[in-house]
Amino acid sequence: MPTADQFVRERARAREKSPKLTTIQHAFVPDFVSDSREAPLMALGTRLEVGETGANDGAGDGELPLARLWQELTSGTCTIVTSSFSDTHCYLVTVPAEPNAARPIAARARRILESLLRGCAQKNISYDLALAPSTVTLIAQRALASMGWMSRPSRANPLLMLAARAASEQDETLSGTLAMVIRAGVRLRVVSVTRPELGVVGRLPGAELDIVRSLVEGHSHADIARRRGTAQRTIANQIASVFRRLDVSSRAELIHRLSALSRAGIAGGAQRLAPESCDIANGALG
């Protein structure tokens, strides 16, 4: 039976050989309502056994505050294995770290990463900390890599962005649905939240809504253009239109705006989020 660390290394090697393993295709998820636990893990390439959990062990299906998820990821007590999307949900799959193997992210790196994922502009963070923008990006990417996320902060799963904001604001009300499964003898945890853009379905033109969905999933302008069979300039113009409509200037801001509108049951861009403070220079930066 493999250890959790061996499992994580196995998944990293698999991602290097076949990056598509980290993205679940909609064909694999015909019915998330009937079986929401197995679907995101089909990307792991094996049949899953739904894990049995004790009634009092606190590890069964239920709710997980996203602030707690962020604390566990940044403290190194769990690692991201993969992430995926269905038509209605965003998923993260994590595995617990081996005993005494946790490697916490340094306080300074954590604050930088949190600020980027909350939607703070990179240039503002660079100015506050007197760092080059490339250094800010590098620090954030290394912090994400230590969690198991091998991509830029700007393309992070919305769950990570929401978790970072929940932790920063000490918001214990923002939670994800939690399920446990067993794969190759290793207990995996599946955390999911409703896709943030569902609150504006029917309120945006079809083309713009499709682009918003692609942005939520972390696709680049070039990816979206290829999928839609159009020019990148056209996609850039449509994204600019969406950003103006929702009064945002980045993907991170877009995700937080959509999430806030969805949670409040508000469609459209009439309501504004509370202003995001990006002055991290006065924070506890180790």
C-alpha atoms as a PDB file:
ATOM      1  CA  MET A   1       0.000   0.000   0.000  1.00  0.00           C
ATOM      2  CA  PRO A   2       1.568   3.341  -1.023  1.00  0.00           C
ATOM      3  CA  THR A   3       2.126   6.121   1.474  1.00  0.00           C
ATOM      4  CA  ALA A   4       0.549   9.525   0.951  1.00  0.00           C
ATOM      5  CA  ASP A   5       3.926  10.998  -0.102  1.00  0.00           C
ATOM      6  CA  GLN A   6       4.427   8.211  -2.638  1.00  0.00           C
ATOM      7  CA  PHE A   7       0.944   8.858  -3.964  1.00  0.00           C
ATOM      8  CA  VAL A   8       1.653  12.565  -4.421  1.00  0.00           C
ATOM      9  CA  ARG A   9       4.937  11.814  -6.229  1.00  0.00           C
ATOM     10  CA  GLU A  10       3.114   9.332  -8.470  1.00  0.00           C
ATOM     11  CA  ARG A  11       0.543  11.979  -9.390  1.00  0.00           C
ATOM     12  CA  ALA A  12       3.267  14.559 -10.094  1.00  0.00           C
ATOM     13  CA  ARG A  13       5.000  12.155 -12.486  1.00  0.00           C
ATOM     14  CA  ALA A  14       1.678  11.405 -14.163  1.00  0.00           C
ATOM     15  CA  ARG A  15       0.976  15.121 -14.622  1.00  0.00           C
ATOM     16  CA  GLU A  16       4.376  15.599 -16.274  1.00  0.00           C
ATOM     17  CA  LYS A  17       3.693  12.747 -18.706  1.00  0.00           C
ATOM     18  CA  SER A  18       0.061  13.626 -19.379  1.00  0.00           C
ATOM     19  CA  PRO A  19      -1.151  17.051 -18.196  1.00  0.00           C
ATOM     20  CA  LYS A  20      -4.689  16.147 -19.284  1.00  0.00           C
ATOM     21  CA  LEU A  21      -4.931  13.866 -16.264  1.00  0.00           C
ATOM     22  CA  THR A  22      -5.395  16.918 -14.080  1.00  0.00           C
ATOM     23  CA  THR A  23      -8.500  18.108 -15.927  1.00  0.00           C
ATOM     24  CA  ILE A  24     -11.731  16.172 -15.817  1.00  0.00           C
ATOM     25  CA  GLN A  25     -13.753  16.122 -19.008  1.00  0.00           C
ATOM     26  CA  HIS A  26     -17.503  16.653 -18.855  1.00  0.00           C
ATOM     27  CA  ALA A  27     -18.030  13.288 -20.561  1.00  0.00           C
ATOM     28  CA  PHE A  28     -16.876  11.644 -17.350  1.00  0.00           C
ATOM     29  CA  VAL A  29     -19.553  13.327 -15.252  1.00  0.00           C
ATOM     30  CA  PRO A  30     -23.024  12.600 -16.659  1.00  0.00           C
ATOM     31  CA  ASP A  31     -24.702  12.937 -13.255  1.00  0.00           C
ATOM     32  CA  PHE A  32     -23.016  14.815 -10.429  1.00  0.00           C
ATOM     33  CA  VAL A  33     -26.144  14.758  -8.326  1.00  0.00           C
ATOM     34  CA  SER A  34     -26.283  10.967  -8.118  1.00  0.00           C
ATOM     35  CA  ASP A  35     -22.571  10.491  -7.454  1.00  0.00           C
ATOM     36  CA  SER A  36     -20.703  13.699  -6.700  1.00  0.00           C
ATOM     37  CA  ARG A  37     -17.834  11.966  -4.917  1.00  0.00           C
ATOM     38  CA  GLU A  38     -16.444   9.708  -7.623  1.00  0.00           C
ATOM     39  CA  ALA A  39     -16.767  11.990 -10.636  1.00  0.00           C
ATOM     40  CA  PRO A  40     -13.857  14.396 -10.045  1.00  0.00           C
ATOM     41  CA  LEU A  41     -11.533  11.535  -9.170  1.00  0.00           C
ATOM     42  CA  MET A  42     -12.140   9.623 -12.387  1.00  0.00           C
ATOM     43  CA  ALA A  43      -9.357  11.842 -13.729  1.00  0.00           C
ATOM     44  CA  LEU A  44      -6.994   9.777 -11.575  1.00  0.00           C
ATOM     45  CA  GLY A  45      -7.502   6.920 -13.974  1.00  0.00           C
ATOM     46  CA  THR A  46      -8.749   4.170 -11.643  1.00  0.00           C
ATOM     47  CA  ARG A  47     -12.015   2.967 -10.239  1.00  0.00           C
ATOM     48  CA  LEU A  48     -12.657   4.365  -6.780  1.00  0.00           C
ATOM     49  CA  GLU A  49     -13.894   2.734  -3.640  1.00  0.00           C
ATOM     50  CA  VAL A  50     -16.050   5.064  -1.592  1.00  0.00           C
ATOM     51  CA  GLY A  51     -14.451   5.198   1.833  1.00  0.00           C
ATOM     52  CA  GLU A  52     -16.252   4.233   5.006  1.00  0.00           C
ATOM     53  CA  THR A  53     -15.689   6.704   7.805  1.00  0.00           C
ATOM     54  CA  GLY A  54     -16.397   6.394  11.481  1.00  0.00           C
ATOM     55  CA  ALA A  55     -19.335   8.267  12.929  1.00  0.00           C
ATOM     56  CA  ASN A  56     -17.151  10.228  15.338  1.00  0.00           C
ATOM     57  CA  ASP A  57     -13.850  10.601  13.504  1.00  0.00           C
ATOM     58  CA  GLY A  58     -14.740  13.962  11.963  1.00  0.00           C
ATOM     59  CA  ALA A  59     -13.472  12.826   8.555  1.00  0.00           C
ATOM     60  CA  GLY A  60     -16.674  11.872   6.796  1.00  0.00           C
ATOM     61  CA  ASP A  61     -18.864  13.682   4.313  1.00  0.00           C
ATOM     62  CA  GLY A  62     -20.116  17.110   5.332  1.00  0.00           C
ATOM     63  CA  GLU A  63     -18.971  20.727   5.188  1.00  0.00           C
ATOM     64  CA  LEU A  64     -15.456  22.139   5.407  1.00  0.00           C
ATOM     65  CA  PRO A  65     -14.859  25.846   6.112  1.00  0.00           C
ATOM     66  CA  LEU A  66     -12.649  27.147   3.324  1.00  0.00           C
ATOM     67  CA  ALA A  67     -10.596  29.150   5.827  1.00  0.00           C
ATOM     68  CA  ARG A  68      -9.690  25.842   7.472  1.00  0.00           C
ATOM     69  CA  LEU A  69      -8.798  24.316   4.086  1.00  0.00           C
ATOM     70  CA  TRP A  70      -6.442  27.236   3.452  1.00  0.00           C
ATOM     71  CA  GLN A  71      -4.856  26.826   6.870  1.00  0.00           C
ATOM     72  CA  GLU A  72      -4.235  23.144   6.203  1.00  0.00           C
ATOM     73  CA  LEU A  73      -2.746  23.791   2.761  1.00  0.00           C
ATOM     74  CA  THR A  74      -0.457  26.599   3.919  1.00  0.00           C
ATOM     75  CA  SER A  75       0.631  24.677   7.019  1.00  0.00           C
ATOM     76  CA  GLY A  76       1.561  21.685   4.866  1.00  0.00           C
ATOM     77  CA  THR A  77      -0.774  19.218   6.578  1.00  0.00           C
ATOM     78  CA  CYS A  78      -2.403  18.374   3.233  1.00  0.00           C
ATOM     79  CA  THR A  79      -1.420  18.587  -0.440  1.00  0.00           C
ATOM     80  CA  ILE A  80      -3.421  19.118  -3.631  1.00  0.00           C
ATOM     81  CA  VAL A  81      -3.572  16.024  -5.838  1.00  0.00           C
ATOM     82  CA  THR A  82      -5.730  17.354  -8.665  1.00  0.00           C
ATOM     83  CA  SER A  83      -8.551  19.750  -9.448  1.00  0.00           C
ATOM     84  CA  SER A  84     -11.484  19.634 -11.820  1.00  0.00           C
ATOM     85  CA  PHE A  85     -14.761  21.180 -12.888  1.00  0.00           C
ATOM     86  CA  SER A  86     -18.223  19.926 -13.690  1.00  0.00           C
ATOM     87  CA  ASP A  87     -21.054  21.956 -15.193  1.00  0.00           C
ATOM     88  CA  THR A  88     -22.064  23.040 -11.691  1.00  0.00           C
ATOM     89  CA  HIS A  89     -19.095  22.659  -9.323  1.00  0.00           C
ATOM     90  CA  CYS A  90     -15.385  23.338  -8.802  1.00  0.00           C
ATOM     91  CA  TYR A  91     -13.373  20.554  -7.135  1.00  0.00           C
ATOM     92  CA  LEU A  92     -10.092  20.157  -5.285  1.00  0.00           C
ATOM     93  CA  VAL A  93      -8.760  16.757  -4.257  1.00  0.00           C
ATOM     94  CA  THR A  94      -6.251  16.683  -1.394  1.00  0.00           C
ATOM     95  CA  VAL A  95      -4.242  14.040   0.412  1.00  0.00           C
ATOM     96  CA  PRO A  96      -2.944  14.310   4.007  1.00  0.00           C
ATOM     97  CA  ALA A  97       0.774  14.772   4.565  1.00  0.00           C
ATOM     98  CA  GLU A  98       2.780  12.072   6.237  1.00  0.00           C
ATOM     99  CA  PRO A  99       3.210  12.464  10.022  1.00  0.00           C
ATOM    100  CA  ASN A 100       5.979  14.950  10.852  1.00  0.00           C
ATOM    101  CA  ALA A 101       6.376  15.777   7.133  1.00  0.00           C
ATOM    102  CA  ALA A 102       4.403  19.040   7.036  1.00  0.00           C
ATOM    103  CA  ARG A 103       6.304  21.986   5.555  1.00  0.00           C
ATOM    104  CA  PRO A 104       4.509  25.264   6.312  1.00  0.00           C
ATOM    105  CA  ILE A 105       4.705  28.155   3.868  1.00  0.00           C
ATOM    106  CA  ALA A 106       6.671  31.089   5.272  1.00  0.00           C
ATOM    107  CA  ALA A 107       4.508  33.927   6.592  1.00  0.00           C
ATOM    108  CA  ARG A 108       5.776  36.415   4.007  1.00  0.00           C
ATOM    109  CA  ALA A 109       5.128  34.072   1.091  1.00  0.00           C
ATOM    110  CA  ARG A 110       1.699  33.224   2.449  1.00  0.00           C
ATOM    111  CA  ARG A 111       0.687  36.879   2.688  1.00  0.00           C
ATOM    112  CA  ILE A 112       1.892  37.549  -0.859  1.00  0.00           C
ATOM    113  CA  LEU A 113       0.016  34.531  -2.200  1.00  0.00           C
ATOM    114  CA  GLU A 114      -3.147  35.417  -0.294  1.00  0.00           C
ATOM    115  CA  SER A 115      -3.048  38.959  -1.649  1.00  0.00           C
ATOM    116  CA  LEU A 116      -2.715  37.777  -5.260  1.00  0.00           C
ATOM    117  CA  LEU A 117      -5.487  35.216  -4.897  1.00  0.00           C
ATOM    118  CA  ARG A 118      -7.753  37.809  -3.259  1.00  0.00           C
ATOM    119  CA  GLY A 119      -7.395  39.973  -6.360  1.00  0.00           C
ATOM    120  CA  CYS A 120      -4.776  42.499  -5.291  1.00  0.00           C
ATOM    121  CA  ALA A 121      -2.776  43.884  -8.210  1.00  0.00           C
ATOM    122  CA  GLN A 122       0.736  42.514  -8.512  1.00  0.00           C
ATOM    123  CA  LYS A 123       2.149  46.025  -8.992  1.00  0.00           C
ATOM    124  CA  ASN A 124       0.605  47.158  -5.678  1.00  0.00           C
ATOM    125  CA  ILE A 125       2.129  44.212  -3.818  1.00  0.00           C
ATOM    126  CA  SER A 126       5.477  44.901  -5.475  1.00  0.00           C
ATOM    127  CA  TYR A 127       5.323  48.546  -4.429  1.00  0.00           C
ATOM    128  CA  ASP A 128       4.291  47.806  -0.843  1.00  0.00           C
ATOM    129  CA  LEU A 129       7.104  45.286  -0.352  1.00  0.00           C
ATOM    130  CA  ALA A 130       9.738  46.986  -2.539  1.00  0.00           C
ATOM    131  CA  LEU A 131      10.044  43.836  -4.639  1.00  0.00           C
ATOM    132  CA  ALA A 132      10.283  43.350  -8.377  1.00  0.00           C
ATOM    133  CA  PRO A 133       7.028  42.066  -9.915  1.00  0.00           C
ATOM    134  CA  SER A 134       8.861  38.969 -11.142  1.00  0.00           C
ATOM    135  CA  THR A 135       9.978  38.266  -7.577  1.00  0.00           C
ATOM    136  CA  VAL A 136       6.398  38.519  -6.315  1.00  0.00           C
ATOM    137  CA  THR A 137       5.276  36.054  -8.992  1.00  0.00           C
ATOM    138  CA  LEU A 138       8.118  33.648  -8.214  1.00  0.00           C
ATOM    139  CA  ILE A 139       7.411  33.680  -4.477  1.00  0.00           C
ATOM    140  CA  ALA A 140       3.711  33.023  -5.087  1.00  0.00           C
ATOM    141  CA  GLN A 141       4.378  30.225  -7.596  1.00  0.00           C
ATOM    142  CA  ARG A 142       6.744  28.486  -5.190  1.00  0.00           C
ATOM    143  CA  ALA A 143       4.174  28.746  -2.414  1.00  0.00           C
ATOM    144  CA  LEU A 144       1.523  27.220  -4.678  1.00  0.00           C
ATOM    145  CA  ALA A 145       3.907  24.471  -5.770  1.00  0.00           C
ATOM    146  CA  SER A 146       4.469  23.526  -2.134  1.00  0.00           C
ATOM    147  CA  MET A 147       0.692  22.976  -1.916  1.00  0.00           C
ATOM    148  CA  GLY A 148       0.771  20.774  -5.017  1.00  0.00           C
ATOM    149  CA  TRP A 149      -0.599  23.382  -7.471  1.00  0.00           C
ATOM    150  CA  MET A 150       1.726  23.543 -10.483  1.00  0.00           C
ATOM    151  CA  SER A 151       0.513  26.677 -12.230  1.00  0.00           C
ATOM    152  CA  ARG A 152       0.515  30.449 -11.956  1.00  0.00           C
ATOM    153  CA  PRO A 153      -1.558  32.176  -9.254  1.00  0.00           C
ATOM    154  CA  SER A 154      -3.610  33.858 -11.970  1.00  0.00           C
ATOM    155  CA  ARG A 155      -4.851  30.429 -13.098  1.00  0.00           C
ATOM    156  CA  ALA A 156      -5.576  28.960  -9.669  1.00  0.00           C
ATOM    157  CA  ASN A 157      -8.747  26.981  -9.066  1.00  0.00           C
ATOM    158  CA  PRO A 158     -11.528  29.275  -7.752  1.00  0.00           C
ATOM    159  CA  LEU A 159     -11.642  27.143  -4.606  1.00  0.00           C
ATOM    160  CA  LEU A 160      -8.118  28.286  -3.744  1.00  0.00           C
ATOM    161  CA  MET A 161      -9.033  31.916  -4.338  1.00  0.00           C
ATOM    162  CA  LEU A 162     -12.123  31.677  -2.160  1.00  0.00           C
ATOM    163  CA  ALA A 163     -10.188  29.816   0.545  1.00  0.00           C
ATOM    164  CA  ALA A 164      -7.473  32.491   0.597  1.00  0.00           C
ATOM    165  CA  ARG A 165     -10.042  35.253   0.979  1.00  0.00           C
ATOM    166  CA  ALA A 166     -11.980  33.360   3.655  1.00  0.00           C
ATOM    167  CA  ALA A 167      -8.787  32.891   5.671  1.00  0.00           C
ATOM    168  CA  SER A 168      -7.690  36.496   5.216  1.00  0.00           C
ATOM    169  CA  GLU A 169     -11.071  37.789   6.370  1.00  0.00           C
ATOM    170  CA  GLN A 170     -11.489  35.074   9.028  1.00  0.00           C
ATOM    171  CA  ASP A 171     -14.784  34.154   7.401  1.00  0.00           C
ATOM    172  CA  GLU A 172     -15.947  30.828   8.809  1.00  0.00           C
ATOM    173  CA  THR A 173     -19.263  30.980   6.949  1.00  0.00           C
ATOM    174  CA  LEU A 174     -17.807  30.215   3.525  1.00  0.00           C
ATOM    175  CA  SER A 175     -17.662  26.417   3.263  1.00  0.00           C
ATOM    176  CA  GLY A 176     -17.255  23.690   0.694  1.00  0.00           C
ATOM    177  CA  THR A 177     -18.876  20.286   0.512  1.00  0.00           C
ATOM    178  CA  LEU A 178     -16.565  17.546   1.774  1.00  0.00           C
ATOM    179  CA  ALA A 179     -16.423  13.889   0.750  1.00  0.00           C
ATOM    180  CA  MET A 180     -13.873  11.147   1.416  1.00  0.00           C
ATOM    181  CA  VAL A 181     -12.802   8.391  -0.983  1.00  0.00           C
ATOM    182  CA  ILE A 182     -10.147   5.681  -0.978  1.00  0.00           C
ATOM    183  CA  ARG A 183      -7.821   5.242  -3.943  1.00  0.00           C
ATOM    184  CA  ALA A 184      -5.040   2.627  -3.891  1.00  0.00           C
ATOM    185  CA  GLY A 185      -5.291   2.485  -0.131  1.00  0.00           C
ATOM    186  CA  VAL A 186      -4.844   6.242   0.302  1.00  0.00           C
ATOM    187  CA  ARG A 187      -7.640   8.359   1.778  1.00  0.00           C
ATOM    188  CA  LEU A 188      -8.406  11.326  -0.449  1.00  0.00           C
ATOM    189  CA  ARG A 189     -10.557  14.305   0.397  1.00  0.00           C
ATOM    190  CA  VAL A 190     -12.785  15.909  -2.235  1.00  0.00           C
ATOM    191  CA  VAL A 191     -13.819  19.512  -1.566  1.00  0.00           C
ATOM    192  CA  SER A 192     -16.310  21.214  -3.848  1.00  0.00           C
ATOM    193  CA  VAL A 193     -18.117  24.531  -4.194  1.00  0.00           C
ATOM    194  CA  THR A 194     -20.764  25.709  -6.623  1.00  0.00           C
ATOM    195  CA  ARG A 195     -19.304  27.353  -9.706  1.00  0.00           C
ATOM    196  CA  PRO A 196     -19.237  31.102  -9.026  1.00  0.00           C
ATOM    197  CA  GLU A 197     -20.666  32.147 -12.387  1.00  0.00           C
ATOM    198  CA  LEU A 198     -23.984  30.322 -11.924  1.00  0.00           C
ATOM    199  CA  GLY A 199     -25.426  33.466 -10.347  1.00  0.00           C
ATOM    200  CA  VAL A 200     -25.243  35.336 -13.663  1.00  0.00           C
ATOM    201  CA  VAL A 201     -26.557  32.585 -15.948  1.00  0.00           C
ATOM    202  CA  GLY A 202     -29.273  34.143 -18.091  1.00  0.00           C
ATOM    203  CA  ARG A 203     -28.066  37.672 -17.265  1.00  0.00           C
ATOM    204  CA  LEU A 204     -25.098  37.751 -19.659  1.00  0.00           C
ATOM    205  CA  PRO A 205     -25.118  37.252 -23.424  1.00  0.00           C
ATOM    206  CA  GLY A 206     -24.376  33.635 -24.349  1.00  0.00           C
ATOM    207  CA  ALA A 207     -20.937  34.349 -25.816  1.00  0.00           C
ATOM    208  CA  GLU A 208     -19.861  36.355 -22.771  1.00  0.00           C
ATOM    209  CA  LEU A 209     -21.150  33.715 -20.361  1.00  0.00           C
ATOM    210  CA  ASP A 210     -19.195  31.024 -22.215  1.00  0.00           C
ATOM    211  CA  ILE A 211     -16.054  33.131 -21.923  1.00  0.00           C
ATOM    212  CA  VAL A 212     -16.691  33.698 -18.214  1.00  0.00           C
ATOM    213  CA  ARG A 213     -16.957  29.934 -17.724  1.00  0.00           C
ATOM    214  CA  SER A 214     -13.645  29.461 -19.523  1.00  0.00           C
ATOM    215  CA  LEU A 215     -12.003  32.144 -17.379  1.00  0.00           C
ATOM    216  CA  VAL A 216     -13.319  30.523 -14.210  1.00  0.00           C
ATOM    217  CA  GLU A 217     -11.671  27.276 -15.333  1.00  0.00           C
ATOM    218  CA  GLY A 218      -8.351  29.078 -15.807  1.00  0.00           C
ATOM    219  CA  HIS A 219      -8.090  28.998 -19.592  1.00  0.00           C
ATOM    220  CA  SER A 220      -5.864  31.569 -21.290  1.00  0.00           C
ATOM    221  CA  HIS A 221      -7.011  33.961 -24.017  1.00  0.00           C
ATOM    222  CA  ALA A 222      -5.317  31.729 -26.598  1.00  0.00           C
ATOM    223  CA  ASP A 223      -7.047  28.614 -25.223  1.00  0.00           C
ATOM    224  CA  ILE A 224     -10.448  30.311 -25.354  1.00  0.00           C
ATOM    225  CA  ALA A 225      -9.839  31.578 -28.888  1.00  0.00           C
ATOM    226  CA  ARG A 226      -8.933  28.079 -30.088  1.00  0.00           C
ATOM    227  CA  ARG A 227     -11.976  26.555 -28.416  1.00  0.00           C
ATOM    228  CA  ARG A 228     -14.301  29.149 -29.930  1.00  0.00           C
ATOM    229  CA  GLY A 229     -12.587  29.252 -33.320  1.00  0.00           C
ATOM    230  CA  THR A 230     -12.075  32.997 -33.276  1.00  0.00           C
ATOM    231  CA  ALA A 231      -9.289  35.548 -33.016  1.00  0.00           C
ATOM    232  CA  GLN A 232      -7.589  36.367 -29.726  1.00  0.00           C
ATOM    233  CA  ARG A 233      -8.420  40.038 -30.328  1.00  0.00           C
ATOM    234  CA  THR A 234     -12.123  39.170 -30.385  1.00  0.00           C
ATOM    235  CA  ILE A 235     -11.768  37.231 -27.128  1.00  0.00           C
ATOM    236  CA  ALA A 236      -9.846  40.111 -25.541  1.00  0.00           C
ATOM    237  CA  ASN A 237     -12.629  42.532 -26.495  1.00  0.00           C
ATOM    238  CA  GLN A 238     -15.313  40.223 -25.098  1.00  0.00           C
ATOM    239  CA  ILE A 239     -13.388  39.783 -21.846  1.00  0.00           C
ATOM    240  CA  ALA A 240     -13.014  43.557 -21.567  1.00  0.00           C
ATOM    241  CA  SER A 241     -16.781  43.878 -22.024  1.00  0.00           C
ATOM    242  CA  VAL A 242     -17.419  41.351 -19.237  1.00  0.00           C
ATOM    243  CA  PHE A 243     -14.965  43.107 -16.927  1.00  0.00           C
ATOM    244  CA  ARG A 244     -16.631  46.466 -17.529  1.00  0.00           C
ATOM    245  CA  ARG A 245     -20.067  44.984 -16.950  1.00  0.00           C
ATOM    246  CA  LEU A 246     -19.016  43.465 -13.613  1.00  0.00           C
ATOM    247  CA  ASP A 247     -16.621  46.286 -12.667  1.00  0.00           C
ATOM    248  CA  VAL A 248     -13.533  44.089 -12.285  1.00  0.00           C
ATOM    249  CA  SER A 249     -10.048  44.184 -13.767  1.00  0.00           C
ATOM    250  CA  SER A 250      -8.677  40.649 -13.345  1.00  0.00           C
ATOM    251  CA  ARG A 251      -9.713  36.996 -13.235  1.00  0.00           C
ATOM    252  CA  ALA A 252      -9.301  36.912  -9.451  1.00  0.00           C
ATOM    253  CA  GLU A 253     -11.564  39.946  -9.015  1.00  0.00           C
ATOM    254  CA  LEU A 254     -14.042  38.364 -11.419  1.00  0.00           C
ATOM    255  CA  ILE A 255     -14.225  35.147  -9.415  1.00  0.00           C
ATOM    256  CA  HIS A 256     -14.709  36.968  -6.116  1.00  0.00           C
ATOM    257  CA  ARG A 257     -17.365  39.255  -7.621  1.00  0.00           C
ATOM    258  CA  LEU A 258     -19.258  36.303  -9.116  1.00  0.00           C
ATOM    259  CA  SER A 259     -19.031  34.389  -5.854  1.00  0.00           C
ATOM    260  CA  ALA A 260     -20.360  37.337  -3.860  1.00  0.00           C
ATOM    261  CA  LEU A 261     -23.239  37.857  -6.289  1.00  0.00           C
ATOM    262  CA  SER A 262     -24.065  34.156  -6.247  1.00  0.00           C
ATOM    263  CA  ARG A 263     -24.023  33.955  -2.448  1.00  0.00           C
ATOM    264  CA  ALA A 264     -26.225  37.021  -2.151  1.00  0.00           C
ATOM    265  CA  GLY A 265     -28.609  35.806  -4.833  1.00  0.00           C
ATOM    266  CA  ILE A 266     -27.913  38.951  -6.855  1.00  0.00           C
ATOM    267  CA  ALA A 267     -27.583  38.850 -10.644  1.00  0.00           C
ATOM    268  CA  GLY A 268     -25.652  41.493 -12.513  1.00  0.00           C
ATOM    269  CA  GLY A 269     -23.098  43.998 -11.295  1.00  0.00           C
ATOM    270  CA  ALA A 270     -25.172  46.448  -9.291  1.00  0.00           C
ATOM    271  CA  GLN A 271     -23.785  45.413  -5.909  1.00  0.00           C
ATOM    272  CA  ARG A 272     -20.098  45.963  -5.153  1.00  0.00           C
ATOM    273  CA  LEU A 273     -17.811  43.898  -2.998  1.00  0.00           C
ATOM    274  CA  ALA A 274     -16.242  45.588  -0.013  1.00  0.00           C
ATOM    275  CA  PRO A 275     -13.025  47.308  -1.131  1.00  0.00           C
ATOM    276  CA  GLU A 276     -10.070  44.936  -0.988  1.00  0.00           C
ATOM    277  CA  SER A 277      -7.145  46.187   1.077  1.00  0.00           C
ATOM    278  CA  CYS A 278      -3.879  45.379  -0.637  1.00  0.00           C
ATOM    279  CA  ASP A 279      -1.517  47.087   1.789  1.00  0.00           C
ATOM    280  CA  ILE A 280       0.386  44.074   3.065  1.00  0.00           C
ATOM    281  CA  ALA A 281       3.546  45.893   3.987  1.00  0.00           C
ATOM    282  CA  ASN A 282       2.181  46.567   7.481  1.00  0.00           C
ATOM    283  CA  GLY A 283       1.121  42.968   8.026  1.00  0.00           C
ATOM    284  CA  ALA A 284       2.953  40.246   9.867  1.00  0.00           C
ATOM    285  CA  LEU A 285       5.528  39.495   7.206  1.00  0.00           C
ATOM    286  CA  GLY A 286       8.176  37.201   8.571  1.00  0.00           C
END
